[in-house]
Protein backbone atom coordinates (compact mmCIF):
# COMPACT_ATOMS: atom_id res chain seq x y z
CA MET A 1 115.32 64.04 -21.62
CA SER A 2 118.62 62.99 -23.04
CA GLU A 3 119.10 62.07 -26.81
CA ASP A 4 119.73 58.47 -26.37
CA LEU A 5 116.41 58.14 -24.42
CA ASN A 6 114.56 59.85 -27.17
CA ALA A 7 116.04 57.77 -29.78
CA SER A 8 115.04 54.20 -27.87
CA SER A 9 111.77 55.22 -28.32
CA ALA A 10 111.17 57.78 -31.34
CA ALA A 11 110.15 55.16 -33.84
CA GLY A 12 106.99 54.77 -31.61
CA ILE A 13 106.26 58.34 -30.41
CA LYS A 14 102.59 59.36 -31.26
CA GLU A 15 100.47 62.73 -30.20
CA LEU A 16 98.22 62.30 -28.28
CA SER A 17 95.13 64.80 -27.88
CA PRO A 18 94.77 66.33 -24.24
CA THR A 19 91.47 64.69 -23.77
CA VAL A 20 93.26 61.46 -24.17
CA VAL A 21 96.29 61.77 -22.29
CA GLY A 22 93.64 63.21 -19.36
CA ILE A 23 91.91 60.16 -19.50
CA GLN A 24 95.03 58.11 -19.26
CA SER A 25 96.91 60.13 -16.79
CA THR A 26 93.74 59.76 -14.51
CA ALA A 27 93.40 56.09 -14.67
CA ILE A 28 96.72 55.39 -13.75
CA PHE A 29 96.24 57.98 -10.94
CA LEU A 30 93.03 56.27 -9.22
CA LEU A 31 95.57 52.84 -9.96
CA MET A 32 97.89 53.94 -7.94
CA VAL A 33 96.53 55.34 -5.30
CA SER A 34 94.12 52.13 -5.16
CA SER A 35 96.85 50.18 -4.69
CA LEU A 36 98.81 51.80 -2.47
CA ILE A 37 95.80 51.95 0.21
CA CYS A 38 94.44 48.08 -0.31
CA ASN A 39 98.59 47.12 -0.04
CA ALA A 40 98.89 48.76 3.00
CA LEU A 41 95.76 47.70 4.50
CA VAL A 42 96.53 43.84 3.98
CA GLY A 43 99.82 44.63 5.11
CA PHE A 44 98.98 46.60 7.93
CA VAL A 45 96.98 43.67 9.52
CA LEU A 46 99.34 40.77 8.53
CA ALA A 47 101.99 42.80 10.46
CA ARG A 48 99.71 43.41 13.44
CA LYS A 49 98.82 40.05 14.07
CA PRO A 50 101.87 37.48 14.37
CA GLU A 51 99.20 34.66 14.35
CA LEU A 52 98.82 35.28 10.36
CA LEU A 53 102.31 35.58 10.12
CA SER A 54 102.64 31.95 11.56
CA HIS A 55 101.21 29.98 8.14
CA SER A 56 103.27 29.85 5.14
CA SER A 57 100.32 31.22 3.60
CA SER A 58 100.31 34.28 5.08
CA LYS A 59 104.46 34.81 4.67
CA LEU A 60 103.44 34.55 1.16
CA LEU A 61 101.16 36.73 1.13
CA MET A 62 103.03 39.26 3.00
CA ASN A 63 105.86 39.06 0.35
CA LEU A 64 103.79 39.51 -2.33
CA THR A 65 101.81 42.34 -0.79
CA ALA A 66 105.50 44.35 0.00
CA SER A 67 106.39 43.82 -3.75
CA SER A 68 103.02 45.35 -5.38
CA PHE A 69 103.22 48.06 -2.50
CA ILE A 70 107.12 49.31 -3.03
CA PHE A 71 105.82 48.86 -6.72
CA SER A 72 102.83 51.35 -6.53
CA LEU A 73 104.62 53.54 -4.26
CA ILE A 74 108.23 54.19 -6.16
CA VAL A 75 107.50 52.93 -9.79
CA LEU A 76 103.59 54.01 -10.39
CA PRO A 77 104.57 58.04 -9.64
CA PHE A 78 107.01 58.34 -12.20
CA VAL A 79 104.75 55.94 -14.70
CA PHE A 80 101.82 58.58 -14.02
CA ALA A 81 103.97 61.67 -14.57
CA SER A 82 105.25 60.46 -17.62
CA SER A 83 101.96 60.02 -18.71
CA VAL A 84 101.00 63.82 -17.70
CA ARG A 85 104.40 65.04 -19.58
CA GLN A 86 104.33 62.11 -22.30
CA ASP A 87 108.41 62.31 -21.81
CA TRP A 88 110.48 60.92 -19.07
CA LEU A 89 111.86 63.82 -17.21
CA PHE A 90 114.02 62.16 -14.89
CA GLY A 91 117.07 61.05 -15.92
CA LYS A 92 119.00 58.00 -17.61
CA ALA A 93 120.42 56.84 -13.85
CA TRP A 94 116.82 56.83 -12.22
CA CYS A 95 115.20 55.92 -15.94
CA GLN A 96 117.84 52.23 -15.67
CA THR A 97 116.44 51.84 -11.96
CA SER A 98 113.00 52.36 -12.32
CA GLY A 99 113.26 49.46 -15.43
CA PHE A 100 115.44 47.44 -12.59
CA LEU A 101 112.74 47.60 -9.90
CA THR A 102 109.94 47.03 -12.94
CA VAL A 103 110.92 43.87 -13.38
CA LEU A 104 112.20 42.50 -10.19
CA LEU A 105 108.75 43.83 -8.57
CA SER A 106 106.63 42.07 -11.15
CA ALA A 107 108.54 39.11 -11.44
CA THR A 108 108.63 38.94 -7.75
CA SER A 109 104.65 38.98 -7.76
CA LEU A 110 104.70 36.30 -9.98
CA ALA A 111 106.61 34.25 -8.02
CA MET A 112 104.56 34.23 -4.94
CA VAL A 113 101.71 33.69 -6.85
CA MET A 114 103.01 30.82 -8.07
CA PHE A 115 104.17 29.75 -4.63
CA LEU A 116 100.73 30.28 -3.04
CA SER A 117 99.26 27.93 -5.95
CA ILE A 118 101.64 25.10 -4.14
CA ASP A 119 100.63 25.88 -0.88
CA ARG A 120 97.16 25.98 -1.75
CA TYR A 121 97.77 22.69 -3.47
CA HIS A 122 99.53 21.15 -0.31
CA CYS A 123 96.64 22.66 2.00
CA ILE A 124 93.43 20.98 -0.01
CA VAL A 125 95.09 17.68 -1.40
CA ASN A 126 97.65 16.85 1.47
CA PRO A 127 95.91 18.16 4.42
CA LEU A 128 97.68 15.48 6.65
CA THR A 129 101.15 16.17 6.07
CA TYR A 130 101.09 20.30 5.00
CA ALA A 131 102.51 21.27 7.80
CA THR A 132 106.00 19.02 6.60
CA ARG A 133 105.67 20.41 3.25
CA MET A 134 104.78 23.66 4.06
CA SER A 135 107.19 24.31 7.00
CA PRO A 136 108.37 27.66 7.70
CA ALA A 137 112.19 26.62 6.99
CA ARG A 138 110.88 25.68 3.09
CA THR A 139 108.84 28.57 3.33
CA ASN A 140 111.36 30.80 3.92
CA PHE A 141 113.57 28.82 1.28
CA PHE A 142 110.89 29.74 -1.35
CA ILE A 143 110.96 33.44 -0.65
CA LEU A 144 114.47 33.94 -0.62
CA PHE A 145 114.49 31.67 -3.70
CA SER A 146 112.09 33.97 -5.65
CA TRP A 147 113.36 37.15 -4.42
CA LEU A 148 117.19 36.18 -5.43
CA ALA A 149 116.26 34.61 -9.03
CA CYS A 150 114.07 37.73 -9.50
CA LEU A 151 116.88 40.30 -8.80
CA PHE A 152 119.40 37.61 -11.20
CA LEU A 153 116.89 38.32 -13.80
CA ALA A 154 116.46 42.51 -13.43
CA SER A 155 120.28 42.67 -13.17
CA LEU A 156 120.75 40.87 -16.80
CA PRO A 157 120.13 43.90 -18.86
CA LEU A 158 122.22 46.09 -16.89
CA VAL A 159 125.41 44.20 -17.50
CA GLY A 160 124.41 43.97 -21.28
CA TRP A 161 122.14 41.20 -22.33
CA GLY A 162 118.74 43.44 -22.59
CA LYS A 163 118.69 46.99 -22.68
CA TYR A 164 116.80 49.40 -20.39
CA GLY A 165 115.25 52.58 -21.58
CA TYR A 166 112.26 54.99 -22.02
CA GLU A 167 109.43 53.31 -24.03
CA HIS A 168 107.00 55.93 -25.19
CA ALA A 169 104.15 53.62 -25.85
CA LYS A 170 104.37 52.25 -22.32
CA PHE A 171 104.95 55.78 -20.88
CA SER A 172 107.73 54.07 -18.86
CA CYS A 173 111.35 52.74 -18.43
CA THR A 174 111.52 49.10 -19.14
CA VAL A 175 113.03 46.91 -21.30
CA ILE A 176 113.16 47.76 -25.42
CA TRP A 177 111.62 44.86 -26.27
CA SER A 178 111.87 45.56 -30.20
CA ASP A 179 115.94 46.03 -29.80
CA THR A 180 117.95 43.21 -31.13
CA ILE A 181 119.86 42.90 -27.94
CA SER A 182 116.88 42.22 -25.96
CA GLU A 183 115.88 39.55 -28.46
CA GLY A 184 117.00 36.64 -26.23
CA TYR A 185 115.93 38.57 -22.81
CA THR A 186 112.58 38.86 -23.89
CA LYS A 187 112.44 34.75 -24.41
CA LEU A 188 113.72 34.53 -20.77
CA TYR A 189 111.80 36.70 -19.38
CA SER A 190 108.53 35.59 -20.64
CA VAL A 191 109.20 31.93 -19.73
CA VAL A 192 110.08 32.67 -16.08
CA THR A 193 107.83 35.35 -15.26
CA LEU A 194 104.63 34.20 -16.83
CA PHE A 195 105.04 30.47 -18.61
CA VAL A 196 106.57 28.22 -16.14
CA PRO A 197 104.49 30.00 -13.05
CA LEU A 198 100.89 29.66 -15.16
CA LEU A 199 102.27 26.23 -15.97
CA VAL A 200 102.68 24.88 -11.99
CA MET A 201 99.10 27.05 -11.19
CA ILE A 202 97.28 25.26 -13.90
CA VAL A 203 99.00 21.79 -13.09
CA THR A 204 98.12 22.22 -8.63
CA TYR A 205 94.52 23.98 -9.72
CA TYR A 206 93.86 20.81 -11.76
CA TYR A 207 94.71 18.40 -8.59
CA ILE A 208 92.73 21.06 -6.65
CA LEU A 209 89.51 20.48 -8.97
CA LYS A 210 90.08 16.58 -8.94
CA ALA A 211 89.77 16.73 -4.91
CA ALA A 212 86.92 19.25 -4.62
CA ARG A 213 85.12 16.72 -7.62
CA ARG A 214 85.88 13.57 -5.88
CA GLN A 215 84.73 14.98 -2.39
CA ALA A 216 81.49 16.31 -4.11
CA ARG A 217 81.21 12.18 -5.66
CA VAL A 218 81.79 10.87 -1.52
CA GLY A 219 79.13 13.62 -0.36
CA GLN A 220 78.79 16.06 1.84
CA ILE A 221 81.07 15.35 4.83
CA ALA A 222 80.50 15.18 8.23
CA VAL A 223 81.91 17.76 10.61
CA LEU A 224 82.44 16.66 14.60
CA PRO A 225 80.28 18.47 16.53
CA ALA A 226 81.60 20.78 18.97
CA THR A 227 80.02 18.51 22.25
CA ASN A 228 81.94 15.32 20.85
CA VAL A 229 85.27 17.17 20.17
CA GLY A 230 86.83 16.10 23.57
CA PRO A 231 90.70 15.88 24.56
CA ARG A 232 91.27 12.59 23.01
CA THR A 233 89.91 13.49 19.75
CA ASN A 234 92.00 13.31 16.53
CA ARG A 235 93.45 16.40 15.40
CA ASN A 236 94.39 14.93 12.25
CA SER A 237 90.58 14.15 11.63
CA ILE A 238 89.62 17.40 12.54
CA THR A 239 92.00 19.23 10.01
CA SER A 240 91.69 17.04 7.11
CA ASN A 241 87.38 17.95 7.54
CA THR A 242 87.86 21.13 8.08
CA SER A 243 90.62 21.23 4.75
CA ALA A 244 88.19 19.39 2.68
CA PHE A 245 85.03 20.89 3.83
CA SER A 246 86.49 24.50 2.79
CA GLY A 247 87.44 23.32 -0.43
CA SER A 248 85.15 24.76 -2.49
CA LYS A 249 85.96 28.63 -0.88
CA ALA A 250 89.43 27.89 -2.49
CA LEU A 251 88.46 26.57 -5.19
CA ARG A 252 86.99 30.17 -6.25
CA THR A 253 89.63 31.66 -5.01
CA THR A 254 91.89 29.70 -7.41
CA PHE A 255 90.14 30.48 -10.48
CA LEU A 256 90.07 33.97 -9.70
CA VAL A 257 93.94 34.15 -9.46
CA LEU A 258 94.03 32.17 -12.77
CA GLY A 259 92.08 34.45 -14.52
CA MET A 260 93.63 37.27 -13.04
CA VAL A 261 97.03 36.38 -14.00
CA ILE A 262 96.13 35.24 -17.29
CA PHE A 263 93.93 38.31 -17.96
CA CYS A 264 96.69 40.68 -16.36
CA TRP A 265 100.09 38.78 -18.07
CA GLY A 266 99.18 37.01 -20.79
CA PRO A 267 98.23 40.12 -23.48
CA TYR A 268 101.30 41.71 -21.94
CA VAL A 269 103.64 39.09 -22.92
CA ILE A 270 102.66 38.04 -25.94
CA GLU A 271 102.94 41.56 -27.37
CA ILE A 272 106.45 42.06 -25.70
CA ILE A 273 107.63 38.69 -27.61
CA LEU A 274 105.45 40.11 -30.79
CA GLU A 275 107.64 43.37 -30.93
CA SER A 276 110.79 41.07 -29.69
CA GLU A 277 110.16 39.42 -33.52
CA ARG A 278 110.42 42.82 -35.22
CA VAL A 279 106.11 42.70 -35.63
CA LEU A 280 104.92 46.43 -35.58
CA VAL A 281 102.42 46.20 -32.63
CA ARG A 282 99.81 49.63 -32.44
CA TYR A 283 100.51 52.51 -30.28
CA GLU A 284 96.97 51.73 -28.68
CA ILE A 285 97.46 47.94 -27.97
CA GLN A 286 100.90 48.50 -26.24
CA THR A 287 99.49 50.92 -23.95
CA THR A 288 96.28 49.29 -22.98
CA PHE A 289 98.26 45.86 -22.42
CA VAL A 290 100.85 47.92 -20.13
CA MET A 291 98.26 49.31 -17.91
CA VAL A 292 96.57 45.94 -17.16
CA SER A 293 99.53 44.45 -16.52
CA HIS A 294 99.85 47.16 -13.89
CA SER A 295 96.61 46.82 -12.39
CA SER A 296 97.62 43.51 -11.46
CA ALA A 297 98.98 45.59 -8.29
CA LEU A 298 95.70 46.23 -7.17
CA LEU A 299 94.16 42.89 -7.78
CA TYR A 300 96.86 40.99 -5.71
CA PRO A 301 95.33 42.22 -2.28
CA VAL A 302 91.93 42.18 -3.58
CA ILE A 303 91.93 38.88 -4.51
CA TYR A 304 94.21 37.29 -1.96
CA GLY A 305 93.94 40.01 1.49
CA PHE A 306 90.33 40.90 0.82
CA HIS A 307 89.16 37.46 0.61
CA ILE A 308 90.27 35.90 3.76
CA ARG A 309 88.05 36.38 6.11
CA ALA A 310 90.44 37.02 9.21
CA ILE A 311 91.75 39.65 7.10
CA ARG A 312 88.64 41.18 5.64
CA ARG A 313 87.04 41.51 9.06
CA SER A 314 90.42 42.71 10.48
CA ILE A 315 90.31 45.77 7.82
CA LYS A 316 86.19 46.63 8.74
CA ARG A 317 87.39 47.36 12.43
CA LEU A 318 90.08 48.89 11.83
CA VAL A 319 87.98 51.39 9.20
CA ALA A 320 85.01 51.57 11.44
CA SER A 321 87.54 52.01 14.98
CA ASN A 322 89.23 54.97 13.05
CA LEU A 323 85.79 56.28 12.14
CA ARG A 324 84.33 56.37 15.72
CA CYS A 325 88.29 57.34 16.92
CA GLY A 326 86.83 61.18 16.24
CA ASN A 327 84.28 61.02 18.25
CA ASN A 328 85.06 59.19 21.28
CA PHE A 329 86.45 61.43 24.16
CA VAL A 330 87.30 60.97 27.96
CA ARG A 331 84.88 62.71 29.95
CA PRO A 332 86.12 64.20 32.94
CA SER A 333 85.00 62.36 36.46
CA SER A 334 82.47 65.32 37.14
CA GLU A 335 80.32 64.01 34.22
CA THR A 336 80.62 61.01 34.28
CA GLY A 337 77.41 58.61 35.29
CA PHE A 338 79.66 56.44 37.80
CA VAL A 339 80.50 57.98 41.41
CA VAL A 340 81.74 55.71 43.37
CA SER A 341 84.56 55.63 46.17
CA PRO A 342 87.21 53.33 46.20
CA GLN A 343 86.00 52.22 49.56
CA ALA A 344 82.59 51.28 48.36
CA MET A 345 84.05 49.65 45.06
CA PHE A 346 86.33 47.18 47.04
CA ARG A 347 83.44 46.38 49.98
CA ASN A 348 80.73 46.00 48.35
CA ARG A 349 81.43 44.21 44.72
CA SER A 350 78.13 45.48 43.18
CA ALA A 351 76.64 48.64 41.31
CA SER A 352 74.39 49.42 44.11
CA GLU A 353 76.88 51.61 45.71
CA GLY A 354 77.36 53.75 42.94
CA SER A 355 75.10 56.67 41.34
CA VAL A 356 74.26 54.51 37.73
CA ASN A 357 72.73 56.65 35.11
CA SER A 358 70.69 53.08 33.67
CA PHE A 359 70.75 49.53 34.45
CA ASP A 360 71.53 49.57 30.68
CA MET A 361 74.84 51.27 31.12
CA ALA A 362 75.71 49.66 34.11
CA TRP A 363 75.46 46.38 32.22
CA SER A 364 76.60 47.03 28.49
CA PRO A 365 80.78 46.34 28.03
CA ARG A 366 82.40 49.68 28.18
CA ARG A 367 85.84 50.26 26.53
CA GLU A 368 88.57 51.72 27.91
CA SER A 369 88.59 54.75 25.88
CA GLU A 370 85.24 55.41 27.36
CA SER A 371 86.08 54.95 31.07
CA LEU A 372 88.86 54.93 32.97
CA TRP A 373 88.18 52.32 35.22
CA THR A 374 85.24 49.33 34.91
CA LEU A 375 83.63 47.89 38.40
CA PRO A 376 85.22 44.78 39.69
CA ALA A 377 81.82 42.68 39.55
CA ILE A 378 80.77 44.25 36.40
CA LYS A 379 83.91 43.48 35.07
CA GLU A 380 83.95 39.88 36.58
CA GLU A 381 80.52 39.19 35.04
CA ILE A 382 81.36 40.28 31.39
CA GLU A 383 84.92 38.20 31.31
CA ASN A 384 83.20 35.26 32.63
CA GLN A 385 80.52 35.39 29.96
CA PRO A 386 80.75 32.40 27.63
CA THR A 387 82.01 33.70 24.09
CA ASN A 388 80.51 32.41 21.02
CA ARG A 389 83.59 31.52 18.50
CA THR A 390 82.68 30.09 15.18
CA HIS A 391 85.29 28.23 14.16
CA SER A 392 86.44 29.42 10.56
CA THR A 393 86.00 26.47 7.70
CA GLU A 394 88.28 28.64 5.26
CA VAL A 395 91.85 27.10 4.60
CA THR A 396 92.97 30.44 4.15
CA ASP A 397 91.38 31.90 7.29
CA LEU A 398 92.41 31.84 10.96
CA GLU A 399 90.77 32.98 13.98
CA VAL A 400 91.20 36.57 14.95
CA PHE A 401 90.62 37.47 18.53
CA ASN A 402 92.37 40.70 19.09
CA LEU A 403 91.25 42.83 16.00
CA PRO A 404 93.16 45.91 15.61
CA GLY A 405 92.14 49.52 14.88
CA SER A 406 90.72 50.24 18.61
CA CYS A 407 90.92 53.32 20.07
CA VAL A 408 93.27 53.82 22.68
């Protein structure tokens, strides 16, 4: 490693035992792999479902997932390598790039969490005007503004306000918070990335809590029965009832997110502020706090993505179908249970003309991957059967019809 990078962290170097290095490196590796898998699953489901991305909350979640995935893919592998070797081995240019990406992606993730809280606020407190308050144009503006503002914030150390370098206690390249040139930048970073989003989330969740308590005082709301919902039913009243009915689930989610942000980023931001004030922070504390902050890349998809029923069901179907794909195969026609001539199939639309191994096989629905054709009569009766679809009452959930992961 170059001399200037060594000088930036020489004061904080501490020799660690091989056992401590092994535990530390294993934890980072598991965090990196878990974060990649979880973010990839959530992003894949969102990308495969246009009906999910049509909602503002899903667009924000997609950007949150993308920033966390990029951080896990590009930044964390070099953090893992530096943890193993206890040194930076990738040159000054990539150190500057890694520090830039760390600030950009972490700040963008927190900005998306802030706008998601605003989205939940309007969805629960103002359900009748939610479509206008969080319109597609306004949501796209929020997303673009977040990326540009965080890009500007991450570029400041590259032009002289702040300084990127290798921090040995954090085993990564980031802002040298203890440097005098970074003192003012540390305050700006703390305010923009944590204090402003945290203040917005506290205010929005406070009003969500008030709405939930007001609903509890009024009593259990009445959901319109399915038989009473006709073409003349007021759609706004249904939307309002559905949103209010699902407030308790959204409330639990908001408290999880609020606690996660405080737990992951509160200690780290306090620690870097102390560093900028020349307060000596123990090596172990710096290492622990930076690892906790990195764990947010895993907690975002778990709390936001897996907490949404539609995404959770899609992921279950995706994993289950992939596990079954290895055992599914198309048998040749000589081994199939159906031997039906095309003339008989179209002349008599029933299963009586064919040779069927059992009636259960004839009436059970079959996937296209299991047989290349289906008897018309059986197909018609299956298609005409009414499907029992229970409408979800979660404000973050959407009805999913064609779930991904089927074997083709």
